[in-house]
Protein backbone atom coordinates (compact mmCIF):
# COMPACT_ATOMS: atom_id res chain seq x y z
CA MET A 1 -33.22 52.03 -56.15
CA LYS A 2 -36.91 51.59 -56.86
CA THR A 3 -39.97 52.92 -54.97
CA THR A 4 -42.63 50.76 -54.03
CA ALA A 5 -45.93 51.38 -52.58
CA LEU A 6 -47.74 50.22 -49.47
CA SER A 7 -51.41 50.73 -48.10
CA HIS A 8 -51.81 50.91 -44.09
CA CYS A 9 -54.86 51.90 -42.29
CA ALA A 10 -53.58 54.67 -40.27
CA ALA A 11 -53.64 54.24 -36.26
CA ALA A 12 -54.42 50.76 -36.49
CA PRO A 13 -53.54 48.80 -32.55
CA ALA A 14 -51.13 47.17 -34.24
CA CYS A 15 -49.50 50.46 -35.06
CA ARG A 16 -49.05 51.75 -31.36
CA THR A 17 -45.87 51.29 -30.49
CA THR A 18 -42.58 53.39 -29.72
CA ALA A 19 -40.55 55.04 -32.45
CA PRO A 20 -37.33 57.34 -32.27
CA ARG A 21 -37.82 60.84 -30.50
CA SER A 22 -36.57 62.86 -34.02
CA LEU A 23 -39.91 61.71 -36.28
CA PRO A 24 -42.97 63.25 -36.15
CA ALA A 25 -45.52 61.04 -33.61
CA ARG A 26 -47.88 60.05 -36.81
CA LEU A 27 -44.88 59.57 -38.36
CA LYS A 28 -43.52 57.11 -35.83
CA GLN A 29 -46.47 55.16 -36.52
CA LEU A 30 -46.05 54.88 -40.01
CA THR A 31 -42.49 54.31 -40.10
CA LEU A 32 -42.28 50.72 -37.57
CA THR A 33 -46.16 49.91 -39.81
CA ALA A 34 -44.05 49.74 -42.90
CA ALA A 35 -41.10 47.83 -41.56
CA ALA A 36 -43.54 45.33 -40.40
CA ALA A 37 -45.52 45.37 -43.70
CA LEU A 38 -42.07 44.83 -45.57
CA ALA A 39 -40.99 42.26 -43.27
CA LEU A 40 -44.09 40.11 -43.44
CA VAL A 41 -43.92 40.23 -47.75
CA LEU A 42 -40.51 39.58 -48.02
CA ALA A 43 -40.02 37.12 -44.81
CA PRO A 44 -39.75 33.01 -45.47
CA VAL A 45 -42.99 31.56 -44.88
CA ALA A 46 -42.21 28.86 -42.30
CA SER A 47 -44.19 25.31 -42.72
CA ALA A 48 -45.02 23.18 -39.74
CA ALA A 49 -45.89 20.13 -41.52
CA THR A 50 -44.86 16.80 -40.92
CA SER A 51 -44.87 13.74 -42.63
CA THR A 52 -45.34 10.09 -41.48
CA PHE A 53 -44.54 7.12 -43.99
CA THR A 54 -46.36 4.12 -43.26
CA VAL A 55 -46.21 0.63 -45.04
CA LEU A 56 -49.29 -0.34 -46.04
CA GLN A 57 -48.56 -3.62 -47.37
CA ASN A 58 -45.61 -6.22 -47.45
CA LEU A 59 -44.91 -8.10 -50.35
CA ASP A 60 -44.24 -11.97 -50.07
CA TYR A 61 -43.70 -12.99 -53.88
CA SER A 62 -45.33 -16.46 -53.68
CA THR A 63 -49.48 -15.04 -52.38
CA THR A 64 -49.13 -11.27 -53.09
CA GLY A 65 -46.81 -10.94 -56.02
CA GLY A 66 -43.50 -9.33 -55.63
CA SER A 67 -41.25 -6.86 -57.60
CA PRO A 68 -44.12 -3.82 -58.73
CA SER A 69 -42.22 -2.05 -61.16
CA ALA A 70 -45.45 0.40 -62.01
CA GLY A 71 -47.29 2.93 -59.92
CA LEU A 72 -51.02 2.99 -58.50
CA VAL A 73 -54.32 3.95 -59.73
CA GLN A 74 -56.81 5.02 -57.15
CA GLY A 75 -60.34 3.79 -58.43
CA THR A 76 -63.67 5.30 -58.22
CA ASP A 77 -64.32 3.89 -54.92
CA GLY A 78 -61.42 5.47 -53.47
CA ALA A 79 -59.24 2.17 -53.58
CA LEU A 80 -55.80 1.42 -54.59
CA TYR A 81 -55.08 -0.73 -57.84
CA GLY A 82 -51.75 -1.71 -58.76
CA THR A 83 -49.95 -4.57 -60.68
CA THR A 84 -46.60 -6.87 -60.10
CA GLN A 85 -44.32 -7.78 -62.13
CA GLN A 86 -43.23 -11.14 -60.69
CA GLY A 87 -44.76 -13.66 -57.68
CA GLY A 88 -48.33 -14.99 -57.45
CA SER A 89 -49.47 -18.78 -57.68
CA GLY A 90 -48.77 -17.91 -61.36
CA ALA A 91 -44.81 -16.50 -61.01
CA VAL A 92 -45.58 -14.07 -63.48
CA GLY A 93 -47.18 -11.41 -61.32
CA THR A 94 -50.60 -10.30 -60.00
CA VAL A 95 -53.28 -7.45 -60.00
CA PHE A 96 -54.27 -6.11 -56.75
CA LYS A 97 -56.24 -3.74 -54.65
CA LEU A 98 -55.77 -2.43 -51.03
CA ASN A 99 -57.45 0.72 -49.74
CA PRO A 100 -55.86 3.66 -48.82
CA ASP A 101 -55.21 2.69 -45.09
CA GLY A 102 -53.61 -0.53 -45.81
CA SER A 103 -56.96 -2.63 -45.38
CA GLY A 104 -58.32 -4.88 -47.29
CA PHE A 105 -55.12 -6.03 -49.89
CA THR A 106 -56.72 -8.49 -51.90
CA VAL A 107 -55.17 -10.40 -55.43
CA LEU A 108 -57.71 -9.46 -57.85
CA GLN A 109 -55.77 -11.74 -60.52
CA SER A 110 -52.62 -14.12 -60.16
CA LEU A 111 -51.58 -13.87 -64.14
CA ASP A 112 -50.26 -16.77 -65.87
CA LEU A 113 -47.79 -16.74 -69.02
CA TYR A 114 -50.38 -18.97 -71.28
CA THR A 115 -53.70 -18.15 -70.62
CA THR A 116 -53.32 -14.27 -68.59
CA GLY A 117 -50.22 -13.33 -70.21
CA GLY A 118 -47.51 -12.26 -67.77
CA TYR A 119 -44.97 -9.44 -66.37
CA PRO A 120 -46.88 -6.17 -66.24
CA ALA A 121 -44.57 -3.94 -66.59
CA VAL A 122 -46.93 -1.09 -66.43
CA GLY A 123 -50.33 -0.01 -64.29
CA LEU A 124 -53.58 -0.13 -64.60
CA VAL A 125 -56.22 2.81 -65.95
CA GLN A 126 -59.58 2.73 -65.23
CA GLY A 127 -62.44 2.94 -68.04
CA THR A 128 -64.94 5.18 -68.22
CA ASP A 129 -66.93 2.01 -67.29
CA GLY A 130 -65.63 1.22 -64.29
CA ALA A 131 -63.69 -1.50 -65.22
CA LEU A 132 -59.50 -1.74 -64.91
CA TYR A 133 -57.13 -2.60 -68.37
CA GLY A 134 -53.76 -3.00 -68.70
CA THR A 135 -51.37 -5.36 -70.29
CA THR A 136 -48.67 -7.70 -70.01
CA SER A 137 -44.91 -7.75 -71.45
CA GLN A 138 -44.72 -11.34 -72.25
CA GLY A 139 -46.75 -14.40 -72.44
CA GLY A 140 -50.41 -15.16 -73.95
CA THR A 141 -51.33 -18.21 -75.65
CA GLY A 142 -47.50 -18.08 -77.34
CA GLY A 143 -46.16 -18.87 -73.87
CA TYR A 144 -42.96 -18.10 -73.51
CA TYR A 145 -42.80 -16.64 -77.59
CA GLY A 146 -45.97 -15.01 -76.72
CA ALA A 147 -45.57 -11.20 -76.75
CA GLY A 148 -47.67 -10.08 -74.40
CA THR A 149 -51.40 -9.09 -73.90
CA VAL A 150 -53.86 -6.35 -73.17
CA PHE A 151 -56.29 -7.38 -70.49
CA LYS A 152 -59.91 -6.16 -68.55
CA LEU A 153 -61.22 -7.04 -65.41
CA ASN A 154 -63.65 -5.52 -62.31
CA PRO A 155 -62.56 -3.85 -59.25
CA ASP A 156 -64.02 -6.77 -57.55
CA GLY A 157 -61.66 -9.39 -59.50
CA SER A 158 -64.32 -11.01 -61.62
CA GLY A 159 -65.15 -10.68 -65.32
CA PHE A 160 -61.18 -11.18 -66.47
CA THR A 161 -61.00 -10.90 -69.98
CA LEU A 162 -58.04 -11.35 -72.83
CA LEU A 163 -58.90 -8.63 -74.73
CA ARG A 164 -56.07 -9.12 -77.24
CA ASP A 165 -53.43 -11.71 -77.29
CA LEU A 166 -50.56 -10.20 -79.00
CA ASP A 167 -48.45 -11.39 -82.08
CA TYR A 168 -45.19 -10.24 -82.70
CA TYR A 169 -45.07 -11.76 -86.34
CA SER A 170 -48.74 -10.61 -87.23
CA GLY A 171 -47.73 -7.37 -86.07
CA ASP A 172 -47.46 -6.12 -82.99
CA GLY A 173 -45.58 -7.14 -79.66
CA TYR A 174 -44.30 -6.75 -75.90
CA PRO A 175 -46.15 -3.47 -74.64
CA VAL A 176 -44.26 -1.69 -71.37
CA SER A 177 -46.37 1.05 -71.49
CA LYS A 178 -49.46 2.44 -69.95
CA LEU A 179 -52.74 2.58 -71.92
CA VAL A 180 -55.18 5.46 -72.43
CA GLN A 181 -58.24 6.16 -73.03
CA GLY A 182 -59.52 8.10 -75.80
CA THR A 183 -62.26 10.64 -75.61
CA ASP A 184 -64.03 8.76 -78.25
CA GLY A 185 -64.10 5.69 -75.28
CA ALA A 186 -61.43 3.56 -77.28
CA LEU A 187 -58.11 2.02 -75.70
CA TYR A 188 -54.82 3.22 -77.17
CA GLY A 189 -51.28 2.01 -76.43
CA THR A 190 -47.86 1.62 -77.91
CA THR A 191 -45.54 -1.81 -78.05
CA SER A 192 -41.82 -2.03 -78.32
CA GLN A 193 -41.92 -4.34 -80.66
CA GLY A 194 -43.63 -6.04 -83.78
CA GLY A 195 -45.39 -4.18 -86.55
CA SER A 196 -44.44 -4.29 -90.36
CA ASN A 197 -41.68 -3.15 -89.52
CA TYR A 198 -40.50 -4.83 -86.34
CA ARG A 199 -39.62 -1.35 -84.76
CA GLY A 200 -42.85 -1.29 -82.70
CA THR A 201 -46.35 0.03 -82.89
CA VAL A 202 -48.92 2.83 -81.89
CA PHE A 203 -52.46 0.08 -81.73
CA LYS A 204 -56.45 0.72 -80.78
CA LEU A 205 -58.75 -1.29 -79.69
CA ASN A 206 -61.71 -0.73 -78.01
CA PRO A 207 -63.12 -1.79 -74.46
CA ASP A 208 -64.66 -4.66 -75.36
CA GLY A 209 -61.42 -6.38 -77.53
CA SER A 210 -63.12 -5.63 -80.60
CA GLY A 211 -61.91 -3.17 -83.25
CA PHE A 212 -57.81 -3.95 -82.81
CA THR A 213 -56.07 -1.77 -85.45
CA VAL A 214 -52.40 -0.71 -85.80
CA LEU A 215 -52.23 2.85 -86.36
CA LEU A 216 -49.22 2.96 -86.84
CA SER A 217 -45.84 1.04 -87.68
CA PHE A 218 -42.65 2.30 -87.06
CA ASP A 219 -39.64 2.19 -89.14
CA TRP A 220 -36.61 3.74 -87.01
CA ILE A 221 -35.12 6.21 -89.79
CA THR A 222 -38.09 8.31 -90.48
CA THR A 223 -40.76 7.72 -87.56
CA GLY A 224 -38.58 6.79 -85.19
CA GLY A 225 -38.67 3.36 -83.22
CA TYR A 226 -38.96 1.33 -80.32
CA PRO A 227 -41.47 3.37 -77.94
CA THR A 228 -41.32 2.30 -74.04
CA ALA A 229 -43.87 4.77 -73.24
CA GLY A 230 -47.81 5.50 -73.31
CA LEU A 231 -48.68 8.51 -75.32
CA VAL A 232 -50.94 11.49 -73.68
CA GLN A 233 -54.38 13.03 -75.79
CA GLY A 234 -53.98 16.18 -75.93
CA THR A 235 -56.55 19.26 -76.01
CA ASP A 236 -57.08 19.28 -79.29
CA GLY A 237 -57.82 15.45 -79.36
CA ALA A 238 -54.67 14.29 -81.21
CA LEU A 239 -52.27 11.38 -80.00
CA TYR A 240 -48.83 12.48 -78.55
CA GLY A 241 -45.72 10.21 -77.78
CA THR A 242 -42.17 9.46 -78.03
CA THR A 243 -39.82 7.27 -79.54
CA GLN A 244 -37.02 5.56 -77.67
CA SER A 245 -34.53 5.92 -80.67
CA GLY A 246 -34.37 6.62 -84.54
CA GLY A 247 -35.67 9.91 -86.45
CA SER A 248 -33.75 11.20 -88.92
CA LEU A 249 -31.10 12.06 -86.56
CA TYR A 250 -31.26 8.94 -84.72
CA TYR A 251 -31.96 9.43 -80.82
CA GLY A 252 -35.53 9.45 -80.95
CA THR A 253 -38.66 11.58 -81.59
CA VAL A 254 -41.44 13.31 -80.49
CA PHE A 255 -44.75 12.69 -82.78
CA LYS A 256 -48.43 13.19 -83.27
CA LEU A 257 -51.12 11.64 -84.98
CA ASN A 258 -54.86 11.72 -85.10
CA PRO A 259 -56.89 8.79 -83.23
CA ASP A 260 -57.79 7.13 -86.79
CA GLY A 261 -54.53 6.67 -87.37
CA SER A 262 -54.19 9.80 -89.97
CA GLY A 263 -52.05 12.67 -89.80
CA PHE A 264 -48.87 10.95 -88.54
CA THR A 265 -46.03 14.04 -87.91
CA VAL A 266 -42.67 13.66 -86.21
CA LEU A 267 -42.62 17.22 -84.24
CA LYS A 268 -38.95 16.88 -83.06
CA ASN A 269 -36.18 14.51 -84.19
CA PHE A 270 -33.45 14.22 -81.53
CA ASP A 271 -29.51 14.89 -82.00
CA TYR A 272 -28.27 14.13 -78.42
CA TYR A 273 -25.92 16.72 -78.25
CA LEU A 274 -28.04 19.94 -77.96
CA ALA A 275 -31.72 18.38 -77.55
CA GLY A 276 -30.60 15.24 -75.72
CA GLY A 277 -31.58 11.76 -77.06
CA TYR A 278 -33.25 8.76 -75.67
CA LEU A 279 -36.43 9.19 -74.83
CA HIS A 280 -37.77 6.70 -72.62
CA ALA A 281 -40.75 8.56 -71.00
CA GLY A 282 -43.60 9.90 -72.64
CA LEU A 283 -45.17 13.30 -72.69
CA VAL A 284 -47.42 15.35 -69.91
CA GLN A 285 -49.43 18.62 -71.93
CA GLY A 286 -49.18 21.34 -69.14
CA THR A 287 -51.85 24.13 -68.34
CA ASP A 288 -50.37 26.29 -71.46
CA GLY A 289 -50.73 23.65 -73.96
CA ALA A 290 -47.36 22.92 -74.51
CA LEU A 291 -45.96 19.49 -74.15
CA TYR A 292 -42.90 18.73 -71.54
CA GLY A 293 -40.66 16.28 -71.65
CA THR A 294 -37.62 13.97 -70.74
CA THR A 295 -34.70 12.82 -72.37
CA SER A 296 -32.20 10.29 -70.83
CA GLN A 297 -29.31 11.01 -72.40
CA GLY A 298 -27.66 14.00 -73.64
CA GLY A 299 -27.90 17.52 -73.90
CA SER A 300 -24.94 19.75 -72.63
CA GLY A 301 -24.22 18.17 -69.73
CA ASP A 302 -24.44 14.50 -71.54
CA ARG A 303 -27.20 13.61 -68.73
CA GLY A 304 -30.18 14.13 -69.99
CA THR A 305 -32.24 17.29 -70.66
CA VAL A 306 -35.99 18.42 -69.60
CA PHE A 307 -37.72 19.93 -72.78
CA LYS A 308 -40.80 21.79 -74.09
CA LEU A 309 -42.21 22.35 -77.52
CA ASN A 310 -45.91 23.33 -79.14
CA PRO A 311 -48.38 20.50 -80.14
CA ASP A 312 -47.56 21.97 -84.15
CA GLY A 313 -43.54 21.16 -83.34
CA SER A 314 -42.68 24.59 -83.12
CA GLY A 315 -40.85 26.48 -80.08
CA PHE A 316 -38.72 23.26 -79.29
CA THR A 317 -36.69 24.57 -75.90
CA VAL A 318 -34.44 23.02 -73.48
CA LEU A 319 -35.89 24.33 -70.55
CA GLN A 320 -32.76 22.43 -68.05
CA ASN A 321 -29.24 20.61 -69.38
CA LEU A 322 -28.92 17.89 -66.41
CA ASP A 323 -25.52 17.08 -64.85
CA TYR A 324 -24.46 14.30 -62.82
CA ASP A 325 -23.61 16.22 -59.33
CA THR A 326 -25.97 18.83 -59.19
CA THR A 327 -28.98 18.27 -61.06
CA GLY A 328 -29.14 14.42 -61.18
CA ALA A 329 -28.82 12.43 -64.21
CA ASN A 330 -30.12 9.99 -66.77
CA PRO A 331 -34.06 10.67 -66.09
CA SER A 332 -35.84 7.60 -67.40
CA ALA A 333 -39.10 8.89 -66.49
CA GLY A 334 -41.74 11.65 -67.22
CA LEU A 335 -43.12 14.41 -65.48
CA VAL A 336 -46.22 15.82 -63.92
CA GLN A 337 -47.40 19.41 -63.52
CA GLY A 338 -48.66 20.38 -59.90
CA THR A 339 -51.09 22.57 -58.69
CA ASP A 340 -48.40 25.21 -58.36
CA GLY A 341 -47.77 25.19 -62.54
CA ALA A 342 -44.18 24.20 -61.86
CA LEU A 343 -43.32 20.54 -63.11
CA TYR A 344 -42.03 17.77 -60.97
CA GLY A 345 -39.68 14.46 -61.96
CA THR A 346 -36.66 12.36 -61.27
CA THR A 347 -33.65 11.06 -61.98
CA THR A 348 -32.13 7.78 -62.19
CA GLN A 349 -28.62 8.86 -60.85
CA GLY A 350 -26.18 11.57 -59.53
CA GLY A 351 -27.37 14.08 -56.94
CA SER A 352 -25.24 14.84 -53.72
CA PHE A 353 -25.43 10.81 -52.89
CA GLY A 354 -24.83 9.91 -56.45
CA GLY A 355 -28.46 7.68 -56.19
CA GLY A 356 -30.65 10.36 -58.31
CA THR A 357 -32.78 13.10 -57.38
CA VAL A 358 -36.52 14.61 -57.28
CA PHE A 359 -36.40 17.74 -58.80
CA ARG A 360 -38.71 20.79 -59.28
CA LEU A 361 -38.73 23.19 -62.59
CA SER A 362 -40.37 26.10 -62.51
CA ALA A 363 -40.74 29.00 -65.34
CA GLY A 364 -41.99 31.01 -62.45
CA PRO A 365 -40.56 34.37 -61.07
CA PRO A 366 -36.98 34.12 -59.30
CA ALA A 367 -36.86 34.59 -55.74
CA ALA A 368 -37.16 37.60 -54.14
CA PRO A 369 -34.34 39.81 -53.45
CA ASP A 370 -32.29 41.07 -50.09
CA LEU A 371 -33.86 44.34 -49.82
CA GLU A 372 -32.57 47.54 -47.38
CA VAL A 373 -35.15 49.78 -46.44
CA LEU A 374 -33.54 53.55 -47.31
CA THR A 375 -36.22 56.10 -46.50
CA LEU A 376 -39.94 55.86 -45.96
CA THR A 377 -42.38 59.12 -46.52
CA THR A 378 -46.32 59.60 -46.35
CA THR A 379 -48.73 61.08 -48.01
CA ASN A 380 -52.50 62.49 -46.29
CA ASN A 381 -50.66 61.28 -42.91
CA LYS A 382 -53.67 63.51 -41.00
CA ALA A 383 -56.34 61.42 -41.74
CA PRO A 384 -59.20 60.29 -39.61
CA GLN A 385 -58.36 57.01 -37.29
CA GLY A 386 -59.18 53.96 -39.91
CA GLN A 387 -58.58 55.40 -43.16
CA LYS A 388 -55.65 53.95 -46.09
CA VAL A 389 -52.71 56.08 -46.41
CA THR A 390 -50.14 56.12 -48.45
CA VAL A 391 -46.03 55.22 -46.93
CA THR A 392 -43.55 55.43 -50.06
CA ALA A 393 -40.54 52.93 -49.45
CA VAL A 394 -37.72 53.35 -50.59
CA VAL A 395 -35.72 50.29 -50.66
CA LYS A 396 -31.65 48.90 -52.09
CA ASN A 397 -31.20 45.40 -53.13
CA THR A 398 -28.70 44.19 -50.79
CA GLY A 399 -28.39 40.23 -51.53
CA THR A 400 -27.44 38.41 -54.33
CA ALA A 401 -30.79 37.54 -55.57
CA ALA A 402 -31.09 36.12 -59.62
CA ALA A 403 -30.79 38.95 -61.91
CA GLY A 404 -34.21 40.36 -63.23
CA ALA A 405 -35.87 39.77 -60.06
CA SER A 406 -38.10 42.62 -59.05
CA THR A 407 -37.01 44.97 -56.31
């Protein structure tokens, strides 16, 4: 049992009700008032909110493009911008725009394999100059043998520019991750293959296409290899990312490097059985400064993990071992931190119906327990009307709250 102090305004109108005859009149009011206060504190808040699902645009492949595999970005003009992986007049994808109410759908660019590159696997990023930047996963001047492109266009569809025609054999190729614009204005990304070791790269280029530099060629054993996720720039200015596999323990890495390519460090080698393995998604930096991510397999449940580590590599913790039935399994996407501080994510399989889950992971306090009020006592119960008095409630936990919950 624990003693809890509550505060209430003596003789408030809401307190003027009937109490058991055995209690003094003053305590009658306070007893019911305190019980009401506890009920307000402990009762769940019901939400009357409803949601409305609306299809904003039906895609038809031939004119709009089809099979989008990436999310949208909202531009500074309020419009939504995205990509389709197939379709359009060139049959290899489009860049499109529409308003949040679904009006104004426009194909800004129909991609073709030989001049623009095709099959974009990820979405766009809007630069500080207002332009939209993206990548294609194949094509370019090499056609079917091309290793993808980096492109730029304006929000009205004008000014399409091929910033980089990637070449697997020259050191870069097959970007399947989103670009990020650094605080220095440059664009940073990864390729899943290519580089001097043919295991992928981290690259940098300016918004006008100049200054293309391979900052790192992955070698699999010491660095990890085949990155399929983009980078995140930390509050310290460094770039952080993941590799799908490789490293000293073979199942992927979390790495760090500076925007000039110096200071490369493997922060964590994944071992599959304890930490999880095969990192398909990138990282998110929480408001606490730590880095959070997912593995698609491994861990004690053999279905992936949610993990946390500090930017210097210390403090690695598996926050959740995933399993098929209860949590969902095999996440292939990263996390997002909500305004409530919790982490939100998805799994591709499992859960109650087998088709995956949407989950929330909170490091906050566990749910409040069920409490039974045993006794109520007061001090200063002869205070004039309008003055605060103190009510002390002695309570007992009668529920099944998680261990450590405060009662």
